[in-house]
Amino acid sequence: MATTTHIKFNDGLTVTDEGGGVIRVDSVGATGPAGPTGPTGPAGANGATGAQGPQGNPGATGATGPAGATGATGPTGPAGPGVPIGGTAGQVLSKIDGTNYNTQWITPGAGGAALTWQGDWVAGTYAEGDIVRYNNRLFLCTVPATTTAPEDWPPPLATSGALNILDNFNRANGALGSNWTAALAGSDPAPTINSNMAWANVSGTVEYSAYWNVTNYTGNHQCGFTIGAGLVGSGTVPVIFLGLSVTVPGGSFTGYIVQMQFLQDGSQHGAINLYRGSGGSYSLLSSSSTFTWATGDVISAKRVGSVISVYQNGILLLSSTDGSPPANGGYIGFGLSNKTSPGDVAVTDFWGGTA
């Protein structure tokens, strides 16, 4: 039998080698319909646990639960210190030291001393409760007895009451200006301004004076100035003066003149004289033989009715009751005279007002 070496088959044939040199060739028929589903086989074994997944988002907050029942009342605490026992009628509780609750009952002291108005301060003894006026201020004595003067404060730009600065002369050198009229007394030329002060601008014995023409006072009034310079040493006696209640200025001067003469003894002393002028004639009403002065002192004069008073920094220097006073009211002003050289005597602030 010849050995088969080559077999040809067409599409649709199936060749099966059955071994032993047998080859079966079958034709392939069409695919038959699907058979019914067989029964479910048994479940397989569980697989291994997978890796843990990521954490999910928090859920929404749940509703608040109901309030719990009120707890039992705690025990009563110890009593506080309160007001200590003891004491008598009228006593008060006082701290002994800084320790808490360390107190004692005490009897309070009697009320303060009665207040007593003593007027302008003058040298003397004052009791607790005394009230005095000093340097245009009121002071209350708070010790049982004292001879010490109140503290001397510098005068302010405007004092309490009606005494105020009318002119501080703080301007360019030259004439006083339109608010001033020359010849407070006699036929004097007006002072001039130099270095923010009013002074007489030449040497010699000529008087320089002027009055404040803005106000003609009709009743009680006062005026003053601040000493800007005063001569100490030898030479012609320098003078500064105030005009008060000037109803007639000039040659027929009628009013009051407060004159300050600076002594030539090498120390800061002087004398104060109070004159009344009437029709150009002058009468001495009162005098203070010496007074100690300093640059910056405020010299003032006041008229209340027929009483004329002169003050230094609010301290009464002299006072006089005029038996034949001119009519109240009038102009106020100042003057300078009898100096060795310009600037020996000068004033800074000029004060004035009602009294």
Protein backbone atom coordinates (compact mmCIF):
# COMPACT_ATOMS: atom_id res chain seq x y z
CA MET A 1 0.00 0.00 0.00
CA ALA A 2 1.35 3.27 -0.98
CA THR A 3 2.17 5.74 1.79
CA THR A 4 -0.01 8.85 1.80
CA THR A 5 2.04 11.89 1.65
CA HIS A 6 -0.41 14.52 0.56
CA ILE A 7 -4.11 15.00 1.21
CA LYS A 8 -6.19 17.87 -0.20
CA PHE A 9 -9.44 18.83 1.35
CA ASN A 10 -11.86 21.59 0.71
CA ASP A 11 -13.45 24.03 3.07
CA GLY A 12 -16.13 22.35 5.05
CA LEU A 13 -14.12 19.11 5.59
CA THR A 14 -12.61 18.03 8.87
CA VAL A 15 -9.46 15.86 8.84
CA THR A 16 -8.77 13.74 11.86
CA ASP A 17 -5.60 11.64 12.30
CA GLU A 18 -6.82 8.56 14.09
CA GLY A 19 -3.37 7.02 14.29
CA GLY A 20 -2.15 3.78 12.84
CA GLY A 21 -1.93 5.41 9.51
CA VAL A 22 -5.70 6.12 9.50
CA ILE A 23 -6.93 9.54 8.59
CA ARG A 24 -10.62 10.32 8.72
CA VAL A 25 -12.12 13.01 6.58
CA ASP A 26 -15.54 14.31 7.64
CA SER A 27 -17.68 17.04 6.31
CA VAL A 28 -18.70 19.74 8.87
CA GLY A 29 -22.36 20.46 9.22
CA ALA A 30 -24.08 23.71 10.33
CA THR A 31 -23.90 24.72 14.04
CA GLY A 32 -26.85 23.41 15.92
CA PRO A 33 -28.96 25.46 18.36
CA ALA A 34 -27.61 26.21 21.84
CA GLY A 35 -28.47 23.69 24.39
CA PRO A 36 -30.23 24.59 27.63
CA THR A 37 -28.23 26.30 30.40
CA GLY A 38 -26.78 23.82 32.73
CA PRO A 39 -27.29 24.08 36.48
CA THR A 40 -25.24 26.63 38.49
CA GLY A 41 -22.08 25.13 39.70
CA PRO A 42 -21.06 25.29 43.33
CA ALA A 43 -19.66 28.66 44.65
CA GLY A 44 -15.98 29.06 44.43
CA ALA A 45 -13.79 29.71 47.42
CA ASN A 46 -13.65 33.34 48.78
CA GLY A 47 -10.89 35.40 47.28
CA ALA A 48 -8.30 37.22 49.38
CA THR A 49 -9.45 40.47 51.12
CA GLY A 50 -8.67 43.54 49.01
CA ALA A 51 -6.77 46.62 50.21
CA GLN A 52 -8.74 49.14 52.40
CA GLY A 53 -10.27 51.93 50.37
CA PRO A 54 -9.87 55.68 51.22
CA GLN A 55 -11.87 57.17 54.13
CA GLY A 56 -15.18 58.63 53.11
CA ASN A 57 -16.35 62.21 53.86
CA PRO A 58 -17.77 62.90 57.40
CA GLY A 59 -21.49 62.63 57.63
CA ALA A 60 -23.74 65.52 58.70
CA THR A 61 -23.92 66.41 62.46
CA GLY A 62 -26.82 64.80 64.12
CA ALA A 63 -29.49 66.72 66.00
CA THR A 64 -28.73 67.88 69.59
CA GLY A 65 -29.99 65.46 72.10
CA PRO A 66 -32.34 66.51 74.89
CA ALA A 67 -30.94 68.27 78.00
CA GLY A 68 -30.03 66.05 80.84
CA ALA A 69 -31.76 66.23 84.18
CA THR A 70 -30.67 68.99 86.66
CA GLY A 71 -28.06 67.76 89.05
CA ALA A 72 -28.51 67.76 92.77
CA THR A 73 -27.87 71.07 94.69
CA GLY A 74 -24.38 71.27 96.14
CA PRO A 75 -23.71 71.90 99.81
CA THR A 76 -23.90 75.51 101.18
CA GLY A 77 -20.57 77.33 101.20
CA PRO A 78 -19.02 78.93 104.27
CA ALA A 79 -20.31 82.34 105.37
CA GLY A 80 -18.41 85.42 104.05
CA PRO A 81 -16.63 87.88 106.36
CA GLY A 82 -19.42 90.50 106.16
CA VAL A 83 -19.41 93.48 108.54
CA PRO A 84 -17.59 92.55 111.73
CA ILE A 85 -19.48 92.69 114.97
CA GLY A 86 -18.88 95.48 117.47
CA GLY A 87 -18.69 99.22 117.07
CA THR A 88 -20.91 101.90 118.50
CA ALA A 89 -23.27 104.51 117.07
CA GLY A 90 -21.44 106.97 114.82
CA GLN A 91 -18.36 104.81 114.35
CA VAL A 92 -17.11 103.75 110.93
CA LEU A 93 -15.17 100.75 109.70
CA SER A 94 -11.52 101.51 108.85
CA LYS A 95 -8.74 99.45 107.29
CA ILE A 96 -5.85 98.72 109.66
CA ASP A 97 -3.39 97.78 106.91
CA GLY A 98 -3.34 96.24 103.44
CA THR A 99 -4.37 92.76 104.63
CA ASN A 100 -7.81 91.68 103.40
CA TYR A 101 -10.59 92.03 105.97
CA ASN A 102 -8.21 93.48 108.58
CA THR A 103 -10.46 96.28 109.81
CA GLN A 104 -11.46 98.07 112.98
CA TRP A 105 -14.20 100.35 114.22
CA ILE A 106 -13.10 103.96 114.74
CA THR A 107 -14.73 107.25 115.65
CA PRO A 108 -14.34 109.74 112.74
CA GLY A 109 -12.80 113.12 113.39
CA ALA A 110 -14.81 116.31 113.61
CA GLY A 111 -15.55 118.33 110.46
CA GLY A 112 -12.98 120.75 108.98
CA ALA A 113 -12.45 124.25 110.26
CA ALA A 114 -14.89 126.97 109.28
CA LEU A 115 -13.83 128.98 106.21
CA THR A 116 -13.01 132.63 106.93
CA TRP A 117 -12.30 135.29 104.31
CA GLN A 118 -9.29 137.38 105.38
CA GLY A 119 -8.88 139.55 102.28
CA ASP A 120 -5.49 140.32 100.75
CA TRP A 121 -2.54 138.49 102.28
CA VAL A 122 -0.30 140.53 104.59
CA ALA A 123 2.45 139.29 106.88
CA GLY A 124 0.95 137.67 109.98
CA THR A 125 -0.39 134.41 111.41
CA TYR A 126 -3.21 132.57 109.65
CA ALA A 127 -5.35 129.75 111.04
CA GLU A 128 -6.75 126.68 109.35
CA GLY A 129 -9.69 127.64 107.17
CA ASP A 130 -8.51 131.20 106.48
CA ILE A 131 -8.85 132.29 102.85
CA VAL A 132 -6.61 135.02 101.44
CA ARG A 133 -6.03 136.61 98.06
CA TYR A 134 -2.40 136.51 96.90
CA ASN A 135 -1.04 137.39 93.45
CA ASN A 136 -4.62 137.61 92.13
CA ARG A 137 -5.42 134.08 93.36
CA LEU A 138 -7.28 132.69 96.34
CA PHE A 139 -5.49 130.47 98.86
CA LEU A 140 -6.90 128.32 101.66
CA CYS A 141 -4.85 127.76 104.83
CA THR A 142 -4.87 124.04 105.70
CA VAL A 143 -2.60 124.02 108.77
CA PRO A 144 -3.49 125.07 112.34
CA ALA A 145 -1.29 128.17 112.23
CA THR A 146 1.24 129.58 109.76
CA THR A 147 3.13 132.76 109.01
CA THR A 148 4.36 131.51 105.63
CA ALA A 149 3.21 133.36 102.54
CA PRO A 150 1.34 131.38 99.88
CA GLU A 151 3.43 130.07 97.02
CA ASP A 152 4.26 132.96 94.71
CA TRP A 153 3.14 131.84 91.29
CA PRO A 154 4.17 133.91 88.24
CA PRO A 155 1.31 136.02 86.88
CA PRO A 156 -0.54 134.45 83.93
CA LEU A 157 -1.29 136.21 80.65
CA ALA A 158 -4.81 136.84 81.88
CA THR A 159 -5.54 136.82 85.61
CA SER A 160 -8.74 135.70 87.21
CA GLY A 161 -11.26 138.49 87.41
CA ALA A 162 -11.14 141.54 85.18
CA LEU A 163 -7.41 142.44 85.25
CA ASN A 164 -6.09 141.42 81.83
CA ILE A 165 -3.16 142.26 79.60
CA LEU A 166 -4.07 145.17 77.34
CA ASP A 167 -0.68 145.51 75.63
CA ASN A 168 2.41 143.27 75.81
CA PHE A 169 4.54 145.59 73.60
CA ASN A 170 5.70 142.54 71.71
CA ARG A 171 6.23 144.14 68.30
CA ALA A 172 8.73 146.05 66.22
CA ASN A 173 10.70 148.89 67.78
CA GLY A 174 9.04 152.29 67.43
CA ALA A 175 5.95 154.16 68.60
CA LEU A 176 3.46 152.65 71.05
CA GLY A 177 0.67 152.81 68.47
CA SER A 178 -2.79 154.26 68.06
CA ASN A 179 -4.19 152.78 71.30
CA TRP A 180 -1.99 155.15 73.30
CA THR A 181 -2.06 158.94 73.68
CA ALA A 182 0.98 160.85 74.91
CA ALA A 183 1.05 163.12 77.98
CA LEU A 184 -0.66 161.16 80.71
CA ALA A 185 0.58 164.02 82.86
CA GLY A 186 2.12 167.36 81.97
CA SER A 187 3.39 167.59 78.39
CA ASP A 188 5.31 164.31 78.38
CA PRO A 189 6.23 162.59 75.12
CA ALA A 190 5.07 158.98 74.87
CA PRO A 191 7.43 156.08 75.69
CA THR A 192 8.62 153.98 72.77
CA ILE A 193 9.01 150.25 72.14
CA ASN A 194 12.45 148.68 72.15
CA SER A 195 13.26 144.95 72.49
CA ASN A 196 9.57 144.18 73.17
CA MET A 197 9.47 146.57 76.14
CA ALA A 198 8.20 150.12 76.63
CA TRP A 199 10.89 152.56 77.76
CA ALA A 200 12.12 156.14 77.57
CA ASN A 201 14.40 156.32 74.57
CA VAL A 202 16.92 158.96 75.68
CA SER A 203 18.97 159.68 78.78
CA GLY A 204 18.10 162.45 81.20
CA THR A 205 15.29 163.55 83.44
CA VAL A 206 12.55 163.93 80.85
CA GLU A 207 9.33 162.11 81.74
CA TYR A 208 7.69 159.87 79.16
CA SER A 209 4.06 158.88 79.72
CA ALA A 210 0.91 157.82 77.87
CA TYR A 211 -2.62 156.69 78.64
CA TRP A 212 -4.68 153.84 77.18
CA ASN A 213 -7.24 155.69 75.06
CA VAL A 214 -9.35 152.61 74.21
CA THR A 215 -11.37 152.63 77.44
CA ASN A 216 -12.60 155.44 79.68
CA TYR A 217 -13.75 153.53 82.77
CA THR A 218 -16.93 154.63 84.48
CA GLY A 219 -16.55 152.94 87.88
CA ASN A 220 -14.16 150.89 89.99
CA HIS A 221 -11.11 149.88 87.96
CA GLN A 222 -7.45 148.83 88.17
CA CYS A 223 -4.24 148.79 86.16
CA GLY A 224 -0.66 147.57 86.38
CA PHE A 225 2.50 146.60 84.54
CA THR A 226 5.27 144.05 84.67
CA ILE A 227 8.74 145.38 85.48
CA GLY A 228 11.01 144.67 82.52
CA ALA A 229 14.13 146.38 83.87
CA GLY A 230 15.12 148.62 86.79
CA LEU A 231 18.33 150.43 87.50
CA VAL A 232 20.53 149.21 90.37
CA GLY A 233 23.57 151.32 91.16
CA SER A 234 24.62 154.95 91.11
CA GLY A 235 23.28 157.62 88.81
CA THR A 236 20.06 159.55 88.33
CA VAL A 237 17.16 157.98 90.25
CA PRO A 238 14.93 156.11 87.77
CA VAL A 239 11.15 156.14 88.23
CA ILE A 240 8.23 154.15 86.86
CA PHE A 241 4.67 155.29 87.57
CA LEU A 242 1.08 154.25 87.03
CA GLY A 243 -1.84 156.53 86.26
CA LEU A 244 -5.20 155.53 87.71
CA SER A 245 -8.64 157.16 87.52
CA VAL A 246 -7.32 159.89 85.21
CA THR A 247 -10.29 162.10 84.42
CA VAL A 248 -8.12 164.94 83.08
CA PRO A 249 -4.78 163.97 81.49
CA GLY A 250 -2.01 166.38 80.56
CA GLY A 251 -1.04 169.64 82.26
CA SER A 252 -4.18 169.81 84.43
CA PHE A 253 -3.77 166.21 85.50
CA THR A 254 -6.58 164.97 87.74
CA GLY A 255 -6.39 161.40 89.04
CA TYR A 256 -3.90 159.22 90.91
CA ILE A 257 -0.21 158.54 90.36
CA VAL A 258 1.56 155.49 91.84
CA GLN A 259 5.28 156.25 91.69
CA MET A 260 8.11 153.69 92.14
CA GLN A 261 11.58 155.09 92.77
CA PHE A 262 14.55 152.73 92.45
CA LEU A 263 17.17 153.41 95.13
CA GLN A 264 20.85 153.82 94.34
CA ASP A 265 22.24 151.59 97.08
CA GLY A 266 23.40 148.74 94.83
CA SER A 267 20.48 146.51 95.82
CA GLN A 268 17.04 145.88 94.39
CA HIS A 269 15.09 148.16 96.68
CA GLY A 270 12.87 151.15 96.12
CA ALA A 271 10.11 153.34 97.50
CA ILE A 272 6.45 153.62 96.48
CA ASN A 273 4.45 156.85 96.74
CA LEU A 274 0.74 157.36 96.08
CA TYR A 275 -0.26 160.85 94.89
CA ARG A 276 -3.60 162.46 94.10
CA GLY A 277 -3.54 164.99 91.30
CA SER A 278 -6.08 167.75 90.98
CA GLY A 279 -5.80 170.39 88.26
CA GLY A 280 -2.09 169.73 87.93
CA SER A 281 -1.33 169.92 91.68
CA TYR A 282 -0.25 166.80 93.59
CA SER A 283 -0.80 165.66 97.20
CA LEU A 284 0.98 162.66 98.79
CA LEU A 285 -1.63 160.25 100.17
CA SER A 286 0.52 157.32 101.26
CA SER A 287 4.09 156.03 101.01
CA SER A 288 6.05 152.82 101.53
CA SER A 289 9.66 153.64 102.42
CA THR A 290 11.25 150.60 100.78
CA PHE A 291 10.22 147.55 98.82
CA THR A 292 12.24 144.75 97.26
CA TRP A 293 11.60 144.19 93.58
CA ALA A 294 12.68 141.86 90.80
CA THR A 295 12.36 141.82 87.05
CA GLY A 296 9.04 140.16 86.26
CA ASP A 297 7.19 141.60 89.27
CA VAL A 298 3.66 142.85 88.61
CA ILE A 299 2.89 146.24 90.18
CA SER A 300 -0.79 147.12 90.17
CA ALA A 301 -3.13 149.74 91.58
CA LYS A 302 -6.87 149.54 92.18
CA ARG A 303 -9.58 152.05 92.96
CA VAL A 304 -12.79 150.95 94.66
CA GLY A 305 -14.83 153.98 95.64
CA SER A 306 -12.54 156.24 97.64
CA VAL A 307 -10.03 153.46 98.54
CA ILE A 308 -6.82 153.28 96.51
CA SER A 309 -4.66 150.15 96.95
CA VAL A 310 -1.26 149.23 95.53
CA TYR A 311 -0.05 145.63 95.11
CA GLN A 312 3.14 143.81 94.24
CA ASN A 313 2.44 140.34 92.79
CA GLY A 314 -0.96 140.46 94.45
CA ILE A 315 0.41 141.38 97.90
CA LEU A 316 -0.93 144.60 99.36
CA LEU A 317 1.87 147.17 99.71
CA LEU A 318 -0.12 150.20 100.75
CA SER A 319 -3.71 151.45 100.82
CA SER A 320 -5.28 154.85 101.37
CA THR A 321 -8.79 156.18 101.73
CA ASP A 322 -9.07 159.52 99.94
CA GLY A 323 -11.19 162.04 101.81
CA SER A 324 -11.62 164.19 98.69
CA PRO A 325 -11.56 161.77 95.76
CA PRO A 326 -12.06 162.92 92.18
CA ALA A 327 -14.91 161.38 90.22
CA ASN A 328 -14.58 157.60 89.89
CA GLY A 329 -13.62 156.16 86.55
CA GLY A 330 -11.30 157.62 83.93
CA TYR A 331 -8.27 156.52 81.94
CA ILE A 332 -5.30 154.39 82.98
CA GLY A 333 -1.68 154.65 81.85
CA PHE A 334 2.01 154.58 82.78
CA GLY A 335 5.20 156.60 82.58
CA LEU A 336 8.98 156.45 83.02
CA SER A 337 11.49 159.11 83.95
CA ASN A 338 14.84 160.05 85.55
CA LYS A 339 17.11 157.36 84.16
CA THR A 340 20.82 157.25 83.43
CA SER A 341 20.64 155.57 80.00
CA PRO A 342 17.95 154.06 77.74
CA GLY A 343 16.61 150.77 79.05
CA ASP A 344 17.54 151.41 82.69
CA VAL A 345 13.84 151.17 83.48
CA ALA A 346 11.28 149.51 81.25
CA VAL A 347 7.96 147.71 81.44
CA THR A 348 6.63 144.74 79.53
CA ASP A 349 2.96 143.77 79.94
CA PHE A 350 0.45 146.54 80.70
CA TRP A 351 -2.62 145.34 82.59
CA GLY A 352 -6.05 146.87 83.08
CA GLY A 353 -9.72 146.25 83.74
CA THR A 354 -12.64 146.75 86.07
CA ALA A 355 -12.36 146.12 89.80
